[in-house]
Amino acid sequence: MDTFPDLGSLSDQELKDLIQQLTDEEVEVSYRRRILHGKIDILRAELVNRLRKKHETGEDVISGADVERLTDILSGRAGDPDARDE
């Protein structure tokens, strides 16, 4: 991780350049984030369509693993894969 420079030692132009560099980087990160969110939305829509089709054909839509995952979320263990072993 880059350390933040000693601001007092930078010239006005160096500060402007650093501001521009970080602004450009933020624009790139924001663009990438929007692309990722779009992909996630498309994948979720596909999953919903598949689940809807399963429901319409009478297949099980919710599995035991789904119930287990929901239990973990509700009990606050969602982010801890080892919490189940306690």
N, C-alpha and C. Protein backbone atom coordinates (compact mmCIF):
# COMPACT_ATOMS: atom_id res chain seq x y z
N MET A 1 0.84 -1.17 0.00
CA MET A 1 0.00 0.00 0.00
C MET A 1 0.89 1.23 0.00
N ASP A 2 0.58 2.17 -0.87
CA ASP A 2 1.35 3.41 -0.93
C ASP A 2 1.07 4.25 0.30
N THR A 3 2.13 4.86 0.79
CA THR A 3 1.93 5.78 1.91
C THR A 3 1.60 7.15 1.35
N PHE A 4 0.88 7.91 2.13
CA PHE A 4 0.49 9.24 1.69
C PHE A 4 1.71 10.15 1.83
N PRO A 5 1.98 10.99 0.84
CA PRO A 5 3.19 11.83 0.88
C PRO A 5 3.08 12.92 1.95
N ASP A 6 4.24 13.44 2.32
CA ASP A 6 4.28 14.59 3.23
C ASP A 6 3.79 15.80 2.44
N LEU A 7 2.57 16.22 2.73
CA LEU A 7 1.95 17.29 1.95
C LEU A 7 2.73 18.59 2.02
N GLY A 8 3.36 18.86 3.15
CA GLY A 8 4.12 20.09 3.30
C GLY A 8 5.33 20.17 2.38
N SER A 9 5.82 19.03 1.95
CA SER A 9 7.01 19.02 1.10
C SER A 9 6.68 19.10 -0.39
N LEU A 10 5.39 19.05 -0.74
CA LEU A 10 4.99 19.10 -2.15
C LEU A 10 4.76 20.52 -2.62
N SER A 11 5.15 20.76 -3.86
CA SER A 11 4.89 22.07 -4.47
C SER A 11 3.41 22.14 -4.85
N ASP A 12 2.96 23.33 -5.20
CA ASP A 12 1.57 23.50 -5.63
C ASP A 12 1.28 22.62 -6.85
N GLN A 13 2.21 22.58 -7.79
CA GLN A 13 2.00 21.77 -8.99
C GLN A 13 1.96 20.29 -8.65
N GLU A 14 2.81 19.85 -7.73
CA GLU A 14 2.78 18.44 -7.32
C GLU A 14 1.46 18.09 -6.64
N LEU A 15 0.93 19.02 -5.84
CA LEU A 15 -0.37 18.79 -5.23
C LEU A 15 -1.47 18.68 -6.29
N LYS A 16 -1.45 19.58 -7.26
CA LYS A 16 -2.43 19.55 -8.35
C LYS A 16 -2.32 18.24 -9.13
N ASP A 17 -1.09 17.82 -9.41
CA ASP A 17 -0.87 16.58 -10.15
C ASP A 17 -1.39 15.38 -9.35
N LEU A 18 -1.13 15.38 -8.06
CA LEU A 18 -1.60 14.29 -7.21
C LEU A 18 -3.13 14.26 -7.14
N ILE A 19 -3.74 15.42 -7.02
CA ILE A 19 -5.20 15.51 -7.03
C ILE A 19 -5.74 14.95 -8.34
N GLN A 20 -5.14 15.33 -9.46
CA GLN A 20 -5.61 14.84 -10.76
C GLN A 20 -5.42 13.34 -10.90
N GLN A 21 -4.29 12.84 -10.43
CA GLN A 21 -4.01 11.41 -10.49
C GLN A 21 -5.05 10.63 -9.69
N LEU A 22 -5.33 11.08 -8.47
CA LEU A 22 -6.29 10.38 -7.63
C LEU A 22 -7.71 10.52 -8.16
N THR A 23 -8.03 11.66 -8.75
CA THR A 23 -9.34 11.85 -9.36
C THR A 23 -9.52 10.90 -10.53
N ASP A 24 -8.50 10.79 -11.37
CA ASP A 24 -8.56 9.85 -12.50
C ASP A 24 -8.72 8.41 -12.02
N GLU A 25 -8.00 8.06 -10.98
CA GLU A 25 -8.09 6.71 -10.42
C GLU A 25 -9.50 6.45 -9.88
N GLU A 26 -10.08 7.44 -9.22
CA GLU A 26 -11.43 7.29 -8.67
C GLU A 26 -12.46 7.10 -9.78
N VAL A 27 -12.28 7.80 -10.90
CA VAL A 27 -13.19 7.65 -12.04
C VAL A 27 -13.10 6.23 -12.59
N GLU A 28 -11.89 5.70 -12.69
CA GLU A 28 -11.70 4.33 -13.18
C GLU A 28 -12.35 3.31 -12.25
N VAL A 29 -12.15 3.49 -10.94
CA VAL A 29 -12.73 2.58 -9.96
C VAL A 29 -14.25 2.66 -10.00
N SER A 30 -14.80 3.85 -10.10
CA SER A 30 -16.25 4.02 -10.16
C SER A 30 -16.83 3.35 -11.40
N TYR A 31 -16.15 3.50 -12.52
CA TYR A 31 -16.59 2.86 -13.76
C TYR A 31 -16.60 1.34 -13.60
N ARG A 32 -15.52 0.80 -13.06
CA ARG A 32 -15.41 -0.64 -12.85
C ARG A 32 -16.51 -1.13 -11.92
N ARG A 33 -16.79 -0.36 -10.87
CA ARG A 33 -17.84 -0.72 -9.91
C ARG A 33 -19.21 -0.77 -10.60
N ARG A 34 -19.50 0.21 -11.45
CA ARG A 34 -20.78 0.22 -12.16
C ARG A 34 -20.90 -0.98 -13.09
N ILE A 35 -19.82 -1.34 -13.75
CA ILE A 35 -19.81 -2.51 -14.63
C ILE A 35 -20.10 -3.77 -13.81
N LEU A 36 -19.43 -3.92 -12.68
CA LEU A 36 -19.63 -5.09 -11.83
C LEU A 36 -21.07 -5.16 -11.32
N HIS A 37 -21.62 -4.03 -10.91
CA HIS A 37 -23.01 -4.03 -10.44
C HIS A 37 -23.97 -4.42 -11.56
N GLY A 38 -23.70 -3.97 -12.77
CA GLY A 38 -24.53 -4.36 -13.90
C GLY A 38 -24.48 -5.86 -14.13
N LYS A 39 -23.29 -6.44 -14.07
CA LYS A 39 -23.14 -7.89 -14.25
C LYS A 39 -23.87 -8.65 -13.14
N ILE A 40 -23.73 -8.17 -11.92
CA ILE A 40 -24.42 -8.80 -10.79
C ILE A 40 -25.93 -8.76 -11.00
N ASP A 41 -26.44 -7.62 -11.44
CA ASP A 41 -27.89 -7.49 -11.69
C ASP A 41 -28.35 -8.47 -12.76
N ILE A 42 -27.57 -8.63 -13.82
CA ILE A 42 -27.92 -9.57 -14.89
C ILE A 42 -27.93 -11.00 -14.35
N LEU A 43 -26.92 -11.37 -13.57
CA LEU A 43 -26.85 -12.71 -13.01
C LEU A 43 -28.01 -12.99 -12.06
N ARG A 44 -28.35 -12.00 -11.23
CA ARG A 44 -29.48 -12.17 -10.31
C ARG A 44 -30.78 -12.34 -11.07
N ALA A 45 -30.96 -11.56 -12.13
CA ALA A 45 -32.18 -11.67 -12.93
C ALA A 45 -32.27 -13.07 -13.55
N GLU A 46 -31.16 -13.61 -14.02
CA GLU A 46 -31.14 -14.95 -14.58
C GLU A 46 -31.51 -15.98 -13.52
N LEU A 47 -30.95 -15.82 -12.32
CA LEU A 47 -31.26 -16.75 -11.23
C LEU A 47 -32.74 -16.70 -10.88
N VAL A 48 -33.31 -15.51 -10.81
CA VAL A 48 -34.73 -15.36 -10.51
C VAL A 48 -35.56 -16.05 -11.58
N ASN A 49 -35.20 -15.87 -12.84
CA ASN A 49 -35.93 -16.53 -13.92
C ASN A 49 -35.86 -18.05 -13.80
N ARG A 50 -34.70 -18.57 -13.47
CA ARG A 50 -34.56 -20.01 -13.31
C ARG A 50 -35.38 -20.53 -12.14
N LEU A 51 -35.35 -19.79 -11.03
CA LEU A 51 -36.14 -20.20 -9.87
C LEU A 51 -37.63 -20.15 -10.18
N ARG A 52 -38.03 -19.13 -10.93
CA ARG A 52 -39.44 -19.01 -11.31
C ARG A 52 -39.86 -20.21 -12.17
N LYS A 53 -39.01 -20.61 -13.11
CA LYS A 53 -39.31 -21.76 -13.95
C LYS A 53 -39.39 -23.05 -13.13
N LYS A 54 -38.48 -23.21 -12.17
CA LYS A 54 -38.51 -24.38 -11.30
C LYS A 54 -39.82 -24.42 -10.52
N HIS A 55 -40.21 -23.28 -10.01
CA HIS A 55 -41.45 -23.19 -9.24
C HIS A 55 -42.65 -23.57 -10.11
N GLU A 56 -42.65 -23.07 -11.33
CA GLU A 56 -43.77 -23.33 -12.24
C GLU A 56 -43.86 -24.81 -12.61
N THR A 57 -42.72 -25.51 -12.65
CA THR A 57 -42.73 -26.93 -13.01
C THR A 57 -42.86 -27.83 -11.78
N GLY A 58 -42.96 -27.23 -10.60
CA GLY A 58 -43.16 -28.01 -9.38
C GLY A 58 -41.89 -28.49 -8.72
N GLU A 59 -40.73 -28.08 -9.20
CA GLU A 59 -39.47 -28.47 -8.57
C GLU A 59 -39.27 -27.71 -7.26
N ASP A 60 -38.42 -28.27 -6.40
CA ASP A 60 -38.06 -27.57 -5.17
C ASP A 60 -37.26 -26.32 -5.51
N VAL A 61 -37.70 -25.20 -4.98
CA VAL A 61 -37.02 -23.95 -5.23
C VAL A 61 -36.01 -23.66 -4.12
N ILE A 62 -36.31 -24.10 -2.92
CA ILE A 62 -35.45 -23.86 -1.76
C ILE A 62 -34.88 -25.19 -1.32
N SER A 63 -33.55 -25.24 -1.21
CA SER A 63 -32.89 -26.47 -0.79
C SER A 63 -32.52 -26.39 0.69
N GLY A 64 -32.07 -27.50 1.22
CA GLY A 64 -31.60 -27.51 2.60
C GLY A 64 -30.43 -26.57 2.80
N ALA A 65 -29.58 -26.47 1.80
CA ALA A 65 -28.44 -25.56 1.88
C ALA A 65 -28.91 -24.11 1.95
N ASP A 66 -29.99 -23.79 1.24
CA ASP A 66 -30.54 -22.44 1.29
C ASP A 66 -31.05 -22.12 2.70
N VAL A 67 -31.74 -23.06 3.30
CA VAL A 67 -32.27 -22.87 4.65
C VAL A 67 -31.11 -22.72 5.64
N GLU A 68 -30.08 -23.52 5.45
CA GLU A 68 -28.90 -23.45 6.32
C GLU A 68 -28.23 -22.08 6.20
N ARG A 69 -28.10 -21.59 4.99
CA ARG A 69 -27.49 -20.27 4.75
C ARG A 69 -28.33 -19.17 5.38
N LEU A 70 -29.64 -19.25 5.24
CA LEU A 70 -30.52 -18.26 5.86
C LEU A 70 -30.39 -18.30 7.37
N THR A 71 -30.30 -19.49 7.93
CA THR A 71 -30.12 -19.63 9.38
C THR A 71 -28.83 -18.94 9.82
N ASP A 72 -27.76 -19.13 9.05
CA ASP A 72 -26.48 -18.48 9.36
C ASP A 72 -26.61 -16.97 9.30
N ILE A 73 -27.29 -16.47 8.28
CA ILE A 73 -27.46 -15.02 8.14
C ILE A 73 -28.23 -14.47 9.33
N LEU A 74 -29.32 -15.12 9.67
CA LEU A 74 -30.16 -14.63 10.76
C LEU A 74 -29.49 -14.74 12.12
N SER A 75 -28.57 -15.69 12.27
CA SER A 75 -27.88 -15.84 13.55
C SER A 75 -26.59 -15.03 13.60
N GLY A 76 -26.29 -14.29 12.53
CA GLY A 76 -25.10 -13.44 12.53
C GLY A 76 -23.83 -14.16 12.18
N ARG A 77 -23.93 -15.37 11.65
CA ARG A 77 -22.73 -16.15 11.31
C ARG A 77 -22.44 -16.12 9.83
N ALA A 78 -23.09 -15.25 9.09
CA ALA A 78 -22.99 -15.27 7.62
C ALA A 78 -21.57 -15.07 7.13
N GLY A 79 -20.79 -14.24 7.76
CA GLY A 79 -19.45 -13.95 7.28
C GLY A 79 -18.39 -14.85 7.86
N ASP A 80 -18.77 -15.76 8.75
CA ASP A 80 -17.80 -16.60 9.45
C ASP A 80 -18.02 -18.06 9.09
N PRO A 81 -17.22 -18.59 8.14
CA PRO A 81 -17.42 -19.97 7.71
C PRO A 81 -17.15 -20.99 8.81
N ASP A 82 -16.39 -20.63 9.85
CA ASP A 82 -16.07 -21.55 10.93
C ASP A 82 -17.08 -21.49 12.07
N ALA A 83 -18.03 -20.55 12.00
CA ALA A 83 -18.99 -20.38 13.09
C ALA A 83 -19.84 -21.63 13.28
N ARG A 84 -20.05 -22.39 12.26
CA ARG A 84 -20.87 -23.59 12.31
C ARG A 84 -20.25 -24.66 13.22
N ASP A 85 -18.92 -24.62 13.33
CA ASP A 85 -18.22 -25.63 14.11
C ASP A 85 -18.24 -25.37 15.61
N GLU A 86 -18.70 -24.20 16.00
CA GLU A 86 -18.67 -23.83 17.43
C GLU A 86 -19.76 -24.52 18.21
